[in-house]
Protein backbone atom coordinates (compact mmCIF):
# COMPACT_ATOMS: atom_id res chain seq x y z
CA MET A 1 0.73 43.23 3.60
CA SER A 2 -0.67 40.41 1.44
CA THR A 3 -3.22 38.03 2.92
CA LEU A 4 -2.14 34.41 3.11
CA LYS A 5 -4.35 31.83 1.42
CA ARG A 6 -5.91 29.12 3.57
CA THR A 7 -7.13 25.63 2.79
CA VAL A 8 -10.62 24.47 3.71
CA LEU A 9 -9.03 22.65 6.69
CA PHE A 10 -7.49 25.75 8.26
CA ASN A 11 -9.87 25.73 11.25
CA GLU A 12 -9.14 22.04 11.87
CA HIS A 13 -5.42 22.80 12.08
CA ILE A 14 -6.08 25.59 14.58
CA LYS A 15 -8.22 23.28 16.74
CA LEU A 16 -5.32 20.81 16.77
CA LYS A 17 -2.92 23.58 17.92
CA ALA A 18 -0.79 23.38 14.78
CA ASN A 19 2.21 25.66 14.36
CA MET A 20 1.19 27.65 11.26
CA ILE A 21 3.67 29.22 8.84
CA ASP A 22 3.75 31.05 5.51
CA PHE A 23 4.45 28.42 2.86
CA GLY A 24 4.50 29.90 -0.63
CA GLY A 25 1.70 32.30 0.19
CA TRP A 26 -0.37 29.71 2.08
CA GLU A 27 -0.89 29.56 5.85
CA MET A 28 -0.06 25.92 6.49
CA PRO A 29 0.78 23.68 9.48
CA VAL A 30 4.48 22.95 9.79
CA ASN A 31 3.93 20.70 12.81
CA TYR A 32 1.53 19.80 15.58
CA PRO A 33 2.30 19.68 19.35
CA GLU A 34 4.11 16.30 19.29
CA GLY A 35 6.69 17.71 16.85
CA ILE A 36 8.19 16.79 13.51
CA LEU A 37 10.24 13.80 14.68
CA GLU A 38 7.28 12.05 16.30
CA GLU A 39 5.09 12.81 13.28
CA HIS A 40 7.72 11.28 10.99
CA LEU A 41 7.94 8.12 13.10
CA TYR A 42 4.16 7.73 13.44
CA THR A 43 3.81 7.83 9.65
CA ARG A 44 6.45 5.12 9.28
CA LYS A 45 4.82 2.95 11.96
CA LYS A 46 1.07 3.71 11.73
CA ALA A 47 -0.48 6.33 9.42
CA GLY A 48 -0.16 10.07 8.95
CA ILE A 49 -2.70 12.35 7.30
CA PHE A 50 -1.55 15.44 5.43
CA ASP A 51 -3.54 18.42 4.18
CA VAL A 52 -2.17 19.01 0.68
CA SER A 53 -5.09 21.09 -0.54
CA HIS A 54 -2.72 23.98 -1.26
CA MET A 55 -1.43 22.15 -4.33
CA GLY A 56 -2.84 23.07 -7.76
CA ARG A 57 -5.44 20.80 -9.34
CA PHE A 58 -6.32 21.11 -13.03
CA VAL A 59 -8.66 18.93 -15.12
CA VAL A 60 -7.95 18.42 -18.82
CA THR A 61 -10.78 17.08 -21.00
CA GLY A 62 -11.74 16.87 -24.66
CA LYS A 63 -11.00 14.89 -27.81
CA GLU A 64 -7.33 15.97 -27.87
CA ALA A 65 -6.74 15.94 -24.10
CA ALA A 66 -4.14 13.19 -24.37
CA LYS A 67 -2.49 14.79 -27.40
CA PHE A 68 -2.17 18.07 -25.50
CA LEU A 69 -0.67 16.37 -22.45
CA GLN A 70 1.79 14.46 -24.67
CA HIS A 71 2.99 17.86 -25.90
CA VAL A 72 3.38 19.62 -22.53
CA LEU A 73 4.49 16.71 -20.30
CA THR A 74 7.57 14.48 -20.39
CA SER A 75 5.72 11.23 -19.65
CA ASN A 76 3.89 9.03 -22.14
CA VAL A 77 0.25 9.68 -21.31
CA MET A 78 -0.79 7.13 -23.96
CA ALA A 79 0.61 4.43 -21.68
CA LEU A 80 -2.04 5.24 -19.05
CA ASN A 81 -5.14 3.09 -18.85
CA VAL A 82 -8.27 4.57 -17.29
CA LYS A 83 -7.82 4.62 -13.48
CA GLN A 84 -4.02 4.86 -13.63
CA ALA A 85 -1.65 7.66 -12.67
CA GLN A 86 1.98 8.54 -13.42
CA TYR A 87 4.69 10.89 -12.25
CA THR A 88 5.60 13.52 -14.85
CA ILE A 89 7.45 16.79 -15.46
CA ILE A 90 6.34 19.98 -17.22
CA PRO A 91 9.45 20.82 -19.30
CA ASN A 92 10.69 23.94 -21.03
CA GLU A 93 12.51 23.98 -24.38
CA ASN A 94 15.93 23.99 -22.65
CA GLY A 95 15.37 20.69 -20.83
CA GLY A 96 14.66 22.34 -17.49
CA ALA A 97 11.57 21.83 -15.36
CA ILE A 98 8.78 24.39 -15.19
CA ASP A 99 7.42 22.04 -12.53
CA ASP A 100 7.11 18.39 -11.63
CA ALA A 101 3.62 16.96 -11.34
CA TYR A 102 1.38 13.92 -11.22
CA VAL A 103 -1.21 13.08 -13.89
CA TYR A 104 -4.26 10.95 -13.07
CA ARG A 105 -6.53 9.42 -15.73
CA PHE A 106 -9.94 9.17 -14.08
CA GLY A 107 -11.92 8.84 -17.34
CA GLU A 108 -11.50 8.07 -21.03
CA ASP A 109 -10.76 11.72 -21.86
CA GLU A 110 -10.49 13.09 -18.32
CA TYR A 111 -7.08 13.76 -16.84
CA TRP A 112 -6.35 15.45 -13.50
CA LEU A 113 -3.00 17.20 -13.15
CA VAL A 114 -1.63 18.04 -9.69
CA VAL A 115 1.14 20.64 -9.54
CA ASN A 116 3.18 22.32 -6.82
CA ALA A 117 1.43 25.10 -4.91
CA SER A 118 4.25 27.60 -5.46
CA ASN A 119 4.10 27.02 -9.23
CA ALA A 120 0.35 26.76 -9.74
CA GLU A 121 -0.12 30.22 -11.27
CA LYS A 122 2.95 29.87 -13.49
CA ASP A 123 1.86 26.41 -14.60
CA TRP A 124 -1.68 27.61 -15.34
CA THR A 125 -0.39 30.44 -17.53
CA HIS A 126 1.89 28.07 -19.45
CA LEU A 127 -0.72 25.33 -19.92
CA THR A 128 -3.58 27.62 -20.93
CA ASN A 129 -1.35 29.21 -23.53
CA GLU A 130 -0.29 25.84 -24.99
CA ILE A 131 -3.78 24.32 -25.04
CA LYS A 132 -5.01 26.93 -27.54
CA ASN A 133 -3.59 24.73 -30.32
CA PHE A 134 -5.58 21.64 -29.29
CA ASP A 135 -9.20 20.53 -29.25
CA ALA A 136 -9.18 20.27 -25.47
CA GLU A 137 -10.16 22.24 -22.37
CA ILE A 138 -8.44 22.83 -19.05
CA GLU A 139 -10.21 23.82 -15.82
CA ASN A 140 -8.74 24.94 -12.51
CA ILE A 141 -10.61 23.05 -9.77
CA SER A 142 -8.21 23.88 -6.92
CA ASP A 143 -10.91 25.71 -4.95
CA ASP A 144 -13.64 23.15 -5.60
CA TYR A 145 -11.76 20.07 -4.44
CA ALA A 146 -9.62 19.42 -1.38
CA MET A 147 -6.72 16.98 -1.39
CA LEU A 148 -5.52 14.78 1.47
CA ALA A 149 -2.65 12.30 1.71
CA LEU A 150 -2.97 9.27 3.98
CA GLN A 151 0.39 7.55 4.27
CA GLY A 152 1.79 4.67 6.31
CA PRO A 153 1.41 0.94 7.06
CA GLU A 154 -2.08 1.32 8.55
CA SER A 155 -3.48 3.56 5.81
CA LYS A 156 -5.25 0.79 3.88
CA ASN A 157 -6.82 -0.60 7.05
CA ILE A 158 -8.09 2.83 8.03
CA LEU A 159 -9.67 3.37 4.61
CA SER A 160 -11.17 -0.12 4.69
CA LYS A 161 -13.01 0.77 7.91
CA LEU A 162 -14.65 3.69 6.11
CA SER A 163 -15.33 1.91 2.80
CA LYS A 164 -16.38 -1.60 1.80
CA ASP A 165 -15.06 -1.12 -1.74
CA PRO A 166 -13.08 -4.20 -2.96
CA TYR A 167 -10.55 -1.83 -4.60
CA LEU A 168 -8.87 -1.52 -1.22
CA ASN A 169 -8.08 -5.23 -1.01
CA GLU A 170 -4.91 -5.11 -3.10
CA PRO A 171 -4.38 -1.64 -4.57
CA ALA A 172 -1.51 -1.46 -7.03
CA LYS A 173 0.93 1.44 -7.15
CA ASN A 174 -0.49 4.34 -9.21
CA SER A 175 -3.97 2.80 -9.39
CA LEU A 176 -7.07 4.99 -9.10
CA ASP A 177 -10.71 4.57 -8.21
CA ILE A 178 -13.81 6.51 -7.19
CA ILE A 179 -15.25 5.23 -3.91
CA GLU A 180 -17.42 6.32 -1.00
CA LEU A 181 -16.06 7.23 2.42
CA ASP A 182 -18.66 7.99 5.07
CA GLY A 183 -21.20 8.26 2.26
CA LYS A 184 -19.20 10.91 0.39
CA GLU A 185 -17.68 10.44 -3.07
CA VAL A 186 -13.87 10.37 -3.00
CA ARG A 187 -11.42 9.95 -5.84
CA ILE A 188 -8.57 7.87 -4.50
CA SER A 189 -5.06 7.22 -5.78
CA LYS A 190 -2.40 4.75 -4.61
CA THR A 191 0.31 7.43 -4.66
CA GLY A 192 2.20 9.62 -2.22
CA TYR A 193 5.28 11.69 -1.40
CA THR A 194 6.64 9.74 1.59
CA GLY A 195 8.10 6.60 0.03
CA GLU A 196 5.63 4.47 1.98
CA PRO A 197 4.66 1.22 0.22
CA MET A 198 1.15 1.77 1.60
CA GLY A 199 -0.13 5.27 0.95
CA PHE A 200 -3.05 7.06 -0.69
CA GLU A 201 -4.03 10.48 -1.99
CA LEU A 202 -7.68 11.52 -1.74
CA PHE A 203 -9.55 14.06 -3.87
CA LEU A 204 -12.89 15.16 -2.45
CA LYS A 205 -15.26 18.07 -2.63
CA ALA A 206 -14.04 20.95 -0.50
CA GLU A 207 -17.12 20.98 1.70
CA ASP A 208 -16.63 17.28 2.56
CA ALA A 209 -13.00 17.64 3.63
CA PRO A 210 -13.44 18.47 7.36
CA ALA A 211 -15.72 15.48 7.95
CA ILE A 212 -13.41 13.04 6.13
CA TRP A 213 -10.34 14.51 7.86
CA ASN A 214 -11.90 13.89 11.28
CA SER A 215 -13.14 10.41 10.33
CA LEU A 216 -9.63 9.39 9.30
CA MET A 217 -8.25 10.62 12.62
CA GLU A 218 -10.99 8.85 14.58
CA ASN A 219 -9.86 5.63 12.91
CA GLY A 220 -6.19 5.95 13.84
CA ALA A 221 -4.53 8.49 11.56
CA LYS A 222 -2.64 11.41 13.09
CA PRO A 223 -2.23 14.85 11.48
CA MET A 224 1.14 15.67 9.92
CA GLY A 225 2.60 19.05 9.00
CA LEU A 226 4.94 20.24 6.28
CA GLY A 227 7.98 19.51 8.45
CA ALA A 228 7.35 15.76 8.54
CA ARG A 229 6.29 15.81 4.90
CA ASP A 230 9.74 17.19 4.09
CA THR A 231 11.74 14.74 6.24
CA LEU A 232 9.74 11.80 4.88
CA ARG A 233 10.24 12.79 1.23
CA LEU A 234 13.94 13.42 1.88
CA GLU A 235 14.37 9.98 3.43
CA ALA A 236 12.62 8.56 0.35
CA GLY A 237 15.03 10.52 -1.88
CA PHE A 238 12.24 12.48 -3.61
CA PRO A 239 12.95 15.90 -5.15
CA LEU A 240 11.35 19.17 -4.08
CA TYR A 241 10.86 21.98 -6.56
CA GLY A 242 13.00 24.96 -5.57
CA HIS A 243 15.67 22.62 -4.19
CA GLU A 244 16.21 19.73 -6.61
CA PHE A 245 14.25 21.24 -9.52
CA GLY A 246 14.26 24.79 -10.85
CA THR A 247 17.45 26.85 -10.58
CA ASP A 248 20.55 26.16 -8.49
CA ILE A 249 22.18 28.56 -6.02
CA ASN A 250 24.11 30.16 -8.88
CA GLY A 251 20.94 30.88 -10.84
CA GLU A 252 21.65 28.13 -13.38
CA GLU A 253 18.80 25.89 -14.48
CA ILE A 254 18.90 22.38 -13.03
CA LYS A 255 18.59 19.94 -15.90
CA ILE A 256 15.76 17.43 -15.70
CA PHE A 257 18.01 14.38 -16.03
CA SER A 258 20.06 15.63 -13.09
CA VAL A 259 17.18 14.28 -11.00
CA PRO A 260 17.20 10.46 -10.64
CA LEU A 261 13.38 10.24 -10.82
CA ALA A 262 13.56 11.60 -14.39
CA LYS A 263 14.12 8.06 -15.64
CA PHE A 264 10.52 7.29 -14.58
CA ALA A 265 9.08 10.59 -15.81
CA VAL A 266 10.59 11.05 -19.29
CA SER A 267 9.58 8.92 -22.26
CA PHE A 268 11.00 8.77 -25.76
CA ALA A 269 8.55 6.08 -26.88
CA GLU A 270 7.48 6.19 -30.52
CA ASP A 271 3.84 6.95 -29.69
CA LYS A 272 4.98 9.82 -27.48
CA GLY A 273 6.02 11.79 -30.55
CA ASP A 274 7.50 15.25 -30.33
CA PHE A 275 7.09 17.36 -27.21
CA ILE A 276 8.46 20.49 -25.56
CA GLY A 277 12.15 20.12 -24.73
CA LYS A 278 12.56 16.71 -26.39
CA LYS A 279 15.83 17.52 -28.18
CA ALA A 280 17.51 18.91 -25.07
CA LEU A 281 16.27 15.98 -23.00
CA LEU A 282 17.62 13.46 -25.52
CA ASN A 283 21.04 15.08 -25.22
CA GLN A 284 20.84 14.90 -21.42
CA PHE A 285 19.72 11.27 -21.57
CA GLU A 286 22.64 10.30 -23.79
CA ALA A 287 25.05 12.05 -21.44
CA LEU A 288 23.50 10.17 -18.51
CA GLN A 289 24.06 6.85 -20.27
CA ARG A 290 27.77 7.68 -20.52
CA ILE A 291 27.91 8.78 -16.89
CA MET A 292 26.31 5.52 -15.76
CA LYS A 293 29.15 3.69 -17.53
CA LYS A 294 31.63 6.02 -15.78
CA ASP A 295 32.54 7.60 -19.08
CA PHE A 296 33.01 11.27 -18.20
CA SER A 297 34.61 12.27 -21.50
CA ASP A 298 31.59 14.35 -22.56
CA ILE A 299 29.21 15.53 -19.85
CA THR A 300 28.54 18.97 -21.34
CA ASP A 301 24.82 18.29 -21.51
CA LEU A 302 24.67 17.00 -17.93
CA PRO A 303 27.53 18.53 -15.91
CA LYS A 304 25.77 18.16 -12.54
CA ILE A 305 23.74 15.35 -11.02
CA LEU A 306 21.80 14.88 -7.79
CA ARG A 307 23.20 12.34 -5.37
CA LEU A 308 22.00 11.15 -1.97
CA PHE A 309 24.51 11.37 0.86
CA ALA A 310 24.78 10.32 4.48
CA LEU A 311 27.06 11.99 7.00
CA THR A 312 29.29 9.67 8.99
CA ASP A 313 30.60 12.52 11.19
CA LYS A 314 28.50 14.62 13.54
CA GLY A 315 26.72 17.55 11.97
CA ILE A 316 23.85 18.42 9.66
CA GLY A 317 24.29 19.26 5.98
CA ARG A 318 21.87 22.11 5.29
CA ASN A 319 20.70 23.59 2.01
CA GLY A 320 23.52 25.54 0.32
CA PHE A 321 26.40 23.96 2.28
CA LYS A 322 29.42 23.19 0.10
CA VAL A 323 30.38 19.60 -0.79
CA PHE A 324 33.97 18.49 -1.36
CA LYS A 325 35.61 15.39 -2.82
CA ASP A 326 39.36 14.85 -2.42
CA GLY A 327 39.62 18.41 -1.12
CA VAL A 328 38.02 19.94 -4.23
CA GLU A 329 34.62 21.64 -4.15
CA VAL A 330 32.22 19.59 -6.32
CA GLY A 331 28.78 20.96 -5.48
CA TYR A 332 26.38 21.85 -2.69
CA VAL A 333 23.62 20.42 -0.53
CA THR A 334 20.14 20.94 -1.97
CA SER A 335 18.26 19.37 0.97
CA GLY A 336 19.53 18.05 4.27
CA THR A 337 18.45 17.47 7.85
CA MET A 338 18.33 15.01 10.74
CA VAL A 339 15.83 12.20 10.19
CA PRO A 340 14.55 9.82 12.90
CA TYR A 341 14.07 6.11 12.41
CA TYR A 342 13.09 2.93 14.17
CA LYS A 343 15.88 0.40 14.40
CA THR A 344 15.20 -2.94 12.73
CA GLU A 345 16.40 -6.48 13.23
CA VAL A 346 16.37 -9.47 10.93
CA ASN A 347 13.86 -12.18 11.85
CA GLY A 348 13.90 -14.97 9.28
CA LEU A 349 13.45 -13.41 5.85
CA ASN A 350 11.94 -10.18 7.18
CA ASP A 351 13.17 -7.00 8.83
CA VAL A 352 11.24 -6.39 12.06
CA GLN A 353 10.71 -2.85 13.27
CA LYS A 354 11.84 -2.39 16.90
CA GLU A 355 10.65 0.21 19.41
CA GLU A 356 14.18 1.62 19.75
CA LYS A 357 14.64 4.96 17.98
CA ASP A 358 17.66 6.76 16.59
CA ILE A 359 18.44 9.70 14.34
CA ARG A 360 20.78 10.28 11.40
CA ALA A 361 21.99 13.11 9.17
CA ILE A 362 21.12 12.63 5.50
CA GLY A 363 20.63 14.76 2.44
CA ILE A 364 20.66 15.32 -1.30
CA ALA A 365 23.42 17.22 -3.10
CA LEU A 366 23.85 18.62 -6.60
CA VAL A 367 27.41 17.63 -7.51
CA ASP A 368 29.71 17.24 -10.49
CA SER A 369 28.62 14.28 -12.59
CA HIS A 370 31.86 12.38 -11.94
CA VAL A 371 30.85 11.98 -8.28
CA VAL A 372 29.36 8.49 -7.94
CA VAL A 373 27.88 6.14 -5.34
CA ASN A 374 30.33 5.08 -2.59
CA ASP A 375 32.54 8.14 -3.10
CA GLN A 376 33.77 9.67 0.14
CA ILE A 377 32.83 13.33 0.47
CA GLU A 378 32.97 16.15 2.98
CA VAL A 379 30.31 18.76 3.75
CA GLU A 380 31.43 22.14 5.03
CA ILE A 381 29.48 22.96 8.19
CA ARG A 382 30.25 26.29 9.88
CA GLY A 383 33.85 26.32 8.65
CA LYS A 384 34.56 22.66 9.41
CA ARG A 385 34.26 19.67 7.12
CA ALA A 386 32.19 16.65 8.14
CA LYS A 387 32.82 13.31 6.45
CA GLY A 388 30.11 11.60 4.47
CA ILE A 389 29.45 9.11 1.71
CA ILE A 390 27.45 9.14 -1.53
CA VAL A 391 24.73 6.47 -1.18
CA PRO A 392 22.20 4.80 -3.52
CA TYR A 393 19.25 5.27 -1.13
CA HIS A 394 18.37 6.20 2.45
CA MET A 395 15.68 3.55 2.89
CA LYS A 396 13.97 0.68 1.10
CA ALA A 397 10.30 -0.23 0.81
CA ASP A 398 10.63 -3.73 -0.63
CA ILE A 399 9.15 -5.57 2.36
CA PRO A 400 5.69 -4.01 2.86
CA PRO A 401 3.96 -2.75 4.86
CA PHE A 402 6.98 -1.12 6.53
CA THR A 403 9.91 0.79 5.11
CA ARG A 404 13.38 0.06 6.48
CA PRO A 405 16.19 2.58 6.97
CA ILE A 406 19.55 1.87 5.35
CA ILE A 407 22.28 3.04 7.72
CA TYR A 408 25.80 3.92 6.55
CA GLY A 409 28.91 4.31 8.70
């Protein structure tokens, strides 16, 4: 029997009576005693803290660090100023994703790359092989640094209590800084995986993690497990490798431009130059442009696309459940569950979050590319078909500090 890996915060999770599970070879908290639904709601209303130290963390340095990253990533690293970050994808030559990732430029020639825990070893093998052709170095610092995510409307206020740094006054999306929290150096990023307009990721030395974790909780944050992390990212419409990236249930590779976030992660800018998978990705991009114009005459390069859906009948669309349109099978659910939310009401120009709670069935599906927003669909659930609709989003975050659910049906 293989031994599960543990983050530096394992003992803290046990003290908090977390329900621990095997997650990609890591023993991680799926939820705490209050449960996933309450954790989800607390993040949306206050602030949740997540231990994401299981994710892979690599540092790329050297004269050709940027040139190397331009070659192995889909994003345009040259567009990053120092203390900026961007979402990116590690592509293969076929236009599929080896992984999706985030790249952070903390110094002139110092880039941090955060990858999915389940892919860290595969990514490391790929990247160390490719870097041999560049005047650059890559170091795996996953054991040396812990990583926390503080997400929710109160997250900035909580950090401000622990730091007097002016950076926290008006942090912009994807901005970075190096600050002190409780006298300890912390690299901080205005990023996250929850869709919250106010959220941060923290990189800190492993030995400092327990103290910072407890300080954040003492100032109002509550611990969140993988269950709430999944429902929050699903509500935000964010992909998860192994569901929306990688291979589908038939073993076919999911094309990068099947994922809506690809439009933010793939660059064909002139200074980007050539990179792994560029030709295949250009073909996918051109097919997507036709699909967006509802021209389905040639979708060979992008036959499937990921769409958000909401069920209007009772039921839950789980991973692998078949999706139908006009009685014809068009795809399957990649992620789906019941997600809680606070009801809102309009007060002047703003949506005001009420105390009243509800729950809804939402998901993401990989469907034929001719399936578009507002199409009526059905999801097969235990032999019966539940009605649903293809939607543009499950929530919006355009009136900070709160998100607001968008309810269909």
